[in-house]
Every structure is written in C-alpha cells, then in structure tokens.
Amino acid sequence: MTQTQKTILTHRSTVQQWECDHMGHLNVRNYMAKFDDAAWSFLAVLGINKAYFTERQGGVAAVDHHVTYKKELLPGDCVEVYSELVMLAGKKFKIHHQMRNAVTGDAIADCELFGVHMDQKARRACDFPEDILQTAQAYLPVADDVAAQ
C-alpha cells in the first residue's frame, strides 16, 4: 500500500533583496513568512478563512514547526510552495510544505506544521466542526492498493 498525497500550490513569490541577510541569501524569518503564507492559503481552501474567524469564532494556532533547509535562495529567485494535508482529526492538524525554486524545480526547504483548532471565545483548543472535517477529506492522503492494479 502506498499513500497518494493531494498537493496544491499555496504560495508564489520572488525573493527580494530586503528579505536577505548580511550573507546575501533569504533570511530564516522570511522562509517562515513564505511557509506561513502557504499555510493560510491552504487553510482557506478548507474553509478556515476570515469569514470563519469572524462569523463562527473559530481559529487555528500553530504549535510546532520543523524546517529542513536544502538549498539557499538568492535575490531574484522565484519561489513556489506546495502544500499537502497530512492529518486533520479532532482538534489537530498537520500540513507539509515543500518550497521549490519555480524555475529549476529544485527542492529548497520543507516545513512540517503542527496546529490545533481553537474556539476564539474560550481561548482553548476544540474539535473541528463537521463541515471542515468533510472538506478536509478531499485533501487527506489516500491509500492506494497496488495489488488491485
């Protein structure tokens, strides 16, 4: 059995000079900004967006990130981030992001984001509502039975 991931493009940008550090490459905080933008884009696909926050008083909070840097980015490099939902159940979720050089296709960095769903009024973690769980099903990995092929 293998897993088929449903990966979507969640961020595209060009590295700006002001995003780089004194060594001339993209600064760590700006890698995280691009991953953060990608996470919000992916969550919006699931229905977790500004309207969700204001009308339903739901929210999310990142609780852990794991980043692996593979290659550096320099000013002028075009970047894409592709994201996949690894897990969403109860009140927890995990998203995997892969940052790529949009021109060469090279893998630049990976980020695993672990988060929780929040009740904004109670200011505590709570289960995702049923409609979000249902929407998420389309983006979760699916087991492929290779023996059936």
C-alpha atoms as a PDB file:
ATOM      1  CA  MET A   1       0.000   0.000   0.000  1.00  0.00           C
ATOM      2  CA  THR A   2       1.265   3.457  -0.873  1.00  0.00           C
ATOM      3  CA  GLN A   3      -0.055   6.871   0.047  1.00  0.00           C
ATOM      4  CA  THR A   4      -1.211   9.372  -2.570  1.00  0.00           C
ATOM      5  CA  GLN A   5      -0.893  12.958  -1.383  1.00  0.00           C
ATOM      6  CA  LYS A   6      -3.069  15.755  -2.734  1.00  0.00           C
ATOM      7  CA  THR A   7      -0.613  18.608  -3.089  1.00  0.00           C
ATOM      8  CA  ILE A   8      -1.626  22.129  -4.103  1.00  0.00           C
ATOM      9  CA  LEU A   9       0.262  25.314  -4.929  1.00  0.00           C
ATOM     10  CA  THR A  10      -0.221  27.651  -1.966  1.00  0.00           C
ATOM     11  CA  HIS A  11       2.413  30.363  -2.414  1.00  0.00           C
ATOM     12  CA  ARG A  12       4.358  32.014  -5.205  1.00  0.00           C
ATOM     13  CA  SER A  13       6.775  34.925  -4.896  1.00  0.00           C
ATOM     14  CA  THR A  14      10.164  36.307  -5.860  1.00  0.00           C
ATOM     15  CA  VAL A  15      12.943  36.703  -3.291  1.00  0.00           C
ATOM     16  CA  GLN A  16      13.528  40.414  -2.684  1.00  0.00           C
ATOM     17  CA  GLN A  17      16.846  41.945  -1.637  1.00  0.00           C
ATOM     18  CA  TRP A  18      15.286  43.240   1.610  1.00  0.00           C
ATOM     19  CA  GLU A  19      14.359  39.626   2.563  1.00  0.00           C
ATOM     20  CA  CYS A  20      18.019  38.583   2.579  1.00  0.00           C
ATOM     21  CA  ASP A  21      20.513  38.674   5.407  1.00  0.00           C
ATOM     22  CA  HIS A  22      24.070  40.011   5.559  1.00  0.00           C
ATOM     23  CA  MET A  23      25.317  36.817   3.862  1.00  0.00           C
ATOM     24  CA  GLY A  24      23.174  37.546   0.816  1.00  0.00           C
ATOM     25  CA  HIS A  25      20.625  34.736   0.988  1.00  0.00           C
ATOM     26  CA  LEU A  26      16.999  34.522   2.122  1.00  0.00           C
ATOM     27  CA  ASN A  27      16.859  35.011   5.882  1.00  0.00           C
ATOM     28  CA  VAL A  28      15.311  32.302   8.067  1.00  0.00           C
ATOM     29  CA  ARG A  29      12.472  34.575   9.203  1.00  0.00           C
ATOM     30  CA  ASN A  30      11.486  35.091   5.568  1.00  0.00           C
ATOM     31  CA  TYR A  31      11.446  31.369   4.805  1.00  0.00           C
ATOM     32  CA  MET A  32       8.959  31.127   7.673  1.00  0.00           C
ATOM     33  CA  ALA A  33       6.909  34.043   6.313  1.00  0.00           C
ATOM     34  CA  LYS A  34       6.527  32.218   2.984  1.00  0.00           C
ATOM     35  CA  PHE A  35       5.569  28.984   4.758  1.00  0.00           C
ATOM     36  CA  ASP A  36       3.105  30.941   6.907  1.00  0.00           C
ATOM     37  CA  ASP A  37       1.502  32.494   3.810  1.00  0.00           C
ATOM     38  CA  ALA A  38       1.223  28.998   2.314  1.00  0.00           C
ATOM     39  CA  ALA A  39      -0.442  27.660   5.468  1.00  0.00           C
ATOM     40  CA  TRP A  40      -3.094  30.399   5.466  1.00  0.00           C
ATOM     41  CA  SER A  41      -3.778  29.770   1.766  1.00  0.00           C
ATOM     42  CA  PHE A  42      -4.192  26.054   2.388  1.00  0.00           C
ATOM     43  CA  LEU A  43      -6.450  26.586   5.405  1.00  0.00           C
ATOM     44  CA  ALA A  44      -8.633  28.936   3.340  1.00  0.00           C
ATOM     45  CA  VAL A  45      -9.184  26.099   0.844  1.00  0.00           C
ATOM     46  CA  LEU A  46     -10.604  24.102   3.762  1.00  0.00           C
ATOM     47  CA  GLY A  47     -12.968  26.942   4.696  1.00  0.00           C
ATOM     48  CA  ILE A  48     -10.833  28.302   7.514  1.00  0.00           C
ATOM     49  CA  ASN A  49     -10.646  31.950   6.470  1.00  0.00           C
ATOM     50  CA  LYS A  50     -11.513  35.457   7.624  1.00  0.00           C
ATOM     51  CA  ALA A  51     -15.266  34.784   7.494  1.00  0.00           C
ATOM     52  CA  TYR A  52     -14.761  31.617   9.559  1.00  0.00           C
ATOM     53  CA  PHE A  53     -12.868  33.581  12.204  1.00  0.00           C
ATOM     54  CA  THR A  54     -15.419  36.383  12.469  1.00  0.00           C
ATOM     55  CA  GLU A  55     -18.720  34.584  11.903  1.00  0.00           C
ATOM     56  CA  ARG A  56     -18.025  31.295  13.665  1.00  0.00           C
ATOM     57  CA  GLN A  57     -15.409  32.439  16.179  1.00  0.00           C
ATOM     58  CA  GLY A  58     -13.177  29.533  15.155  1.00  0.00           C
ATOM     59  CA  GLY A  59      -9.457  29.783  14.739  1.00  0.00           C
ATOM     60  CA  VAL A  60      -6.212  27.879  14.489  1.00  0.00           C
ATOM     61  CA  ALA A  61      -2.887  28.059  16.260  1.00  0.00           C
ATOM     62  CA  ALA A  62       0.468  26.685  15.192  1.00  0.00           C
ATOM     63  CA  VAL A  63       2.074  24.699  17.990  1.00  0.00           C
ATOM     64  CA  ASP A  64       5.188  23.298  16.300  1.00  0.00           C
ATOM     65  CA  HIS A  65       7.208  23.679  13.100  1.00  0.00           C
ATOM     66  CA  HIS A  66      10.003  21.505  11.753  1.00  0.00           C
ATOM     67  CA  VAL A  67      12.007  23.035   8.905  1.00  0.00           C
ATOM     68  CA  THR A  68      14.672  21.372   6.794  1.00  0.00           C
ATOM     69  CA  TYR A  69      16.774  23.634   4.577  1.00  0.00           C
ATOM     70  CA  LYS A  70      18.196  22.036   1.426  1.00  0.00           C
ATOM     71  CA  LYS A  71      19.406  24.882  -0.813  1.00  0.00           C
ATOM     72  CA  GLU A  72      19.717  28.621  -0.448  1.00  0.00           C
ATOM     73  CA  LEU A  73      17.636  31.261  -2.188  1.00  0.00           C
ATOM     74  CA  LEU A  74      19.093  34.499  -3.525  1.00  0.00           C
ATOM     75  CA  PRO A  75      17.528  37.813  -4.571  1.00  0.00           C
ATOM     76  CA  GLY A  76      15.571  37.363  -7.786  1.00  0.00           C
ATOM     77  CA  ASP A  77      14.901  33.648  -7.289  1.00  0.00           C
ATOM     78  CA  CYS A  78      11.294  32.681  -7.969  1.00  0.00           C
ATOM     79  CA  VAL A  79       9.748  30.528  -5.251  1.00  0.00           C
ATOM     80  CA  GLU A  80       6.745  28.225  -5.071  1.00  0.00           C
ATOM     81  CA  VAL A  81       5.394  26.411  -2.028  1.00  0.00           C
ATOM     82  CA  TYR A  82       3.315  23.269  -2.471  1.00  0.00           C
ATOM     83  CA  SER A  83       1.299  22.067   0.499  1.00  0.00           C
ATOM     84  CA  GLU A  84      -0.423  18.859   1.488  1.00  0.00           C
ATOM     85  CA  LEU A  85      -2.661  17.998   4.384  1.00  0.00           C
ATOM     86  CA  VAL A  86      -1.093  15.101   6.258  1.00  0.00           C
ATOM     87  CA  MET A  87      -3.654  14.853   9.056  1.00  0.00           C
ATOM     88  CA  LEU A  88      -6.763  16.652  10.280  1.00  0.00           C
ATOM     89  CA  ALA A  89      -8.776  14.961  13.010  1.00  0.00           C
ATOM     90  CA  GLY A  90     -10.397  16.028  16.244  1.00  0.00           C
ATOM     91  CA  LYS A  91      -8.709  19.316  17.090  1.00  0.00           C
ATOM     92  CA  LYS A  92      -5.298  18.626  15.496  1.00  0.00           C
ATOM     93  CA  PHE A  93      -3.877  19.113  12.040  1.00  0.00           C
ATOM     94  CA  LYS A  94      -0.562  18.661  10.247  1.00  0.00           C
ATOM     95  CA  ILE A  95       0.435  20.293   6.957  1.00  0.00           C
ATOM     96  CA  HIS A  96       3.582  19.527   4.980  1.00  0.00           C
ATOM     97  CA  HIS A  97       5.011  22.322   2.809  1.00  0.00           C
ATOM     98  CA  GLN A  98       7.700  21.952   0.182  1.00  0.00           C
ATOM     99  CA  MET A  99       9.391  25.111  -1.068  1.00  0.00           C
ATOM    100  CA  ARG A 100      10.787  24.854  -4.596  1.00  0.00           C
ATOM    101  CA  ASN A 101      12.720  27.059  -6.948  1.00  0.00           C
ATOM    102  CA  ALA A 102       9.996  27.835  -9.500  1.00  0.00           C
ATOM    103  CA  VAL A 103      12.473  27.983 -12.395  1.00  0.00           C
ATOM    104  CA  THR A 104      14.684  24.946 -11.723  1.00  0.00           C
ATOM    105  CA  GLY A 105      12.193  22.852  -9.735  1.00  0.00           C
ATOM    106  CA  ASP A 106      14.866  22.241  -7.075  1.00  0.00           C
ATOM    107  CA  ALA A 107      13.625  21.451  -3.576  1.00  0.00           C
ATOM    108  CA  ILE A 108      14.694  24.343  -1.344  1.00  0.00           C
ATOM    109  CA  ALA A 109      13.162  23.595   2.053  1.00  0.00           C
ATOM    110  CA  ASP A 110      10.481  21.501   3.760  1.00  0.00           C
ATOM    111  CA  CYS A 111       8.292  22.551   6.659  1.00  0.00           C
ATOM    112  CA  GLU A 112       6.003  20.418   8.797  1.00  0.00           C
ATOM    113  CA  LEU A 113       3.409  22.486  10.607  1.00  0.00           C
ATOM    114  CA  PHE A 114       1.500  21.060  13.557  1.00  0.00           C
ATOM    115  CA  GLY A 115      -1.500  23.017  14.769  1.00  0.00           C
ATOM    116  CA  VAL A 116      -4.757  22.938  16.669  1.00  0.00           C
ATOM    117  CA  HIS A 117      -8.250  24.242  16.063  1.00  0.00           C
ATOM    118  CA  MET A 118      -9.361  26.919  18.520  1.00  0.00           C
ATOM    119  CA  ASP A 119     -12.530  28.332  19.997  1.00  0.00           C
ATOM    120  CA  GLN A 120     -11.719  32.047  19.993  1.00  0.00           C
ATOM    121  CA  LYS A 121     -14.177  32.900  22.771  1.00  0.00           C
ATOM    122  CA  ALA A 122     -12.986  30.186  25.152  1.00  0.00           C
ATOM    123  CA  ARG A 123      -9.355  30.658  24.003  1.00  0.00           C
ATOM    124  CA  ARG A 124      -8.784  26.918  24.022  1.00  0.00           C
ATOM    125  CA  ALA A 125      -8.389  24.049  21.599  1.00  0.00           C
ATOM    126  CA  CYS A 126     -11.552  22.296  20.416  1.00  0.00           C
ATOM    127  CA  ASP A 127     -12.613  19.830  17.728  1.00  0.00           C
ATOM    128  CA  PHE A 128     -13.021  20.967  14.139  1.00  0.00           C
ATOM    129  CA  PRO A 129     -16.659  21.328  13.070  1.00  0.00           C
ATOM    130  CA  GLU A 130     -18.115  18.606  10.860  1.00  0.00           C
ATOM    131  CA  ASP A 131     -18.173  20.701   7.666  1.00  0.00           C
ATOM    132  CA  ILE A 132     -14.434  21.411   7.926  1.00  0.00           C
ATOM    133  CA  LEU A 133     -13.726  17.720   8.582  1.00  0.00           C
ATOM    134  CA  GLN A 134     -15.780  16.825   5.499  1.00  0.00           C
ATOM    135  CA  THR A 135     -13.987  19.353   3.281  1.00  0.00           C
ATOM    136  CA  ALA A 136     -10.617  18.147   4.554  1.00  0.00           C
ATOM    137  CA  GLN A 137     -11.350  14.579   3.440  1.00  0.00           C
ATOM    138  CA  ALA A 138     -10.699  15.557  -0.180  1.00  0.00           C
ATOM    139  CA  TYR A 139      -7.153  16.680   0.730  1.00  0.00           C
ATOM    140  CA  LEU A 140      -6.086  13.872   3.044  1.00  0.00           C
ATOM    141  CA  PRO A 141      -3.770  11.107   1.814  1.00  0.00           C
ATOM    142  CA  VAL A 142      -5.462   8.064   0.335  1.00  0.00           C
ATOM    143  CA  ALA A 143      -4.101   4.534   0.471  1.00  0.00           C
ATOM    144  CA  ASP A 144      -3.588   3.067  -2.992  1.00  0.00           C
ATOM    145  CA  ASP A 145      -3.909  -0.697  -3.152  1.00  0.00           C
ATOM    146  CA  VAL A 146      -1.123  -1.540  -5.609  1.00  0.00           C
ATOM    147  CA  ALA A 147      -2.168  -5.200  -5.606  1.00  0.00           C
ATOM    148  CA  ALA A 148      -5.502  -4.227  -7.157  1.00  0.00           C
ATOM    149  CA  GLN A 149      -3.796  -2.714 -10.216  1.00  0.00           C
END
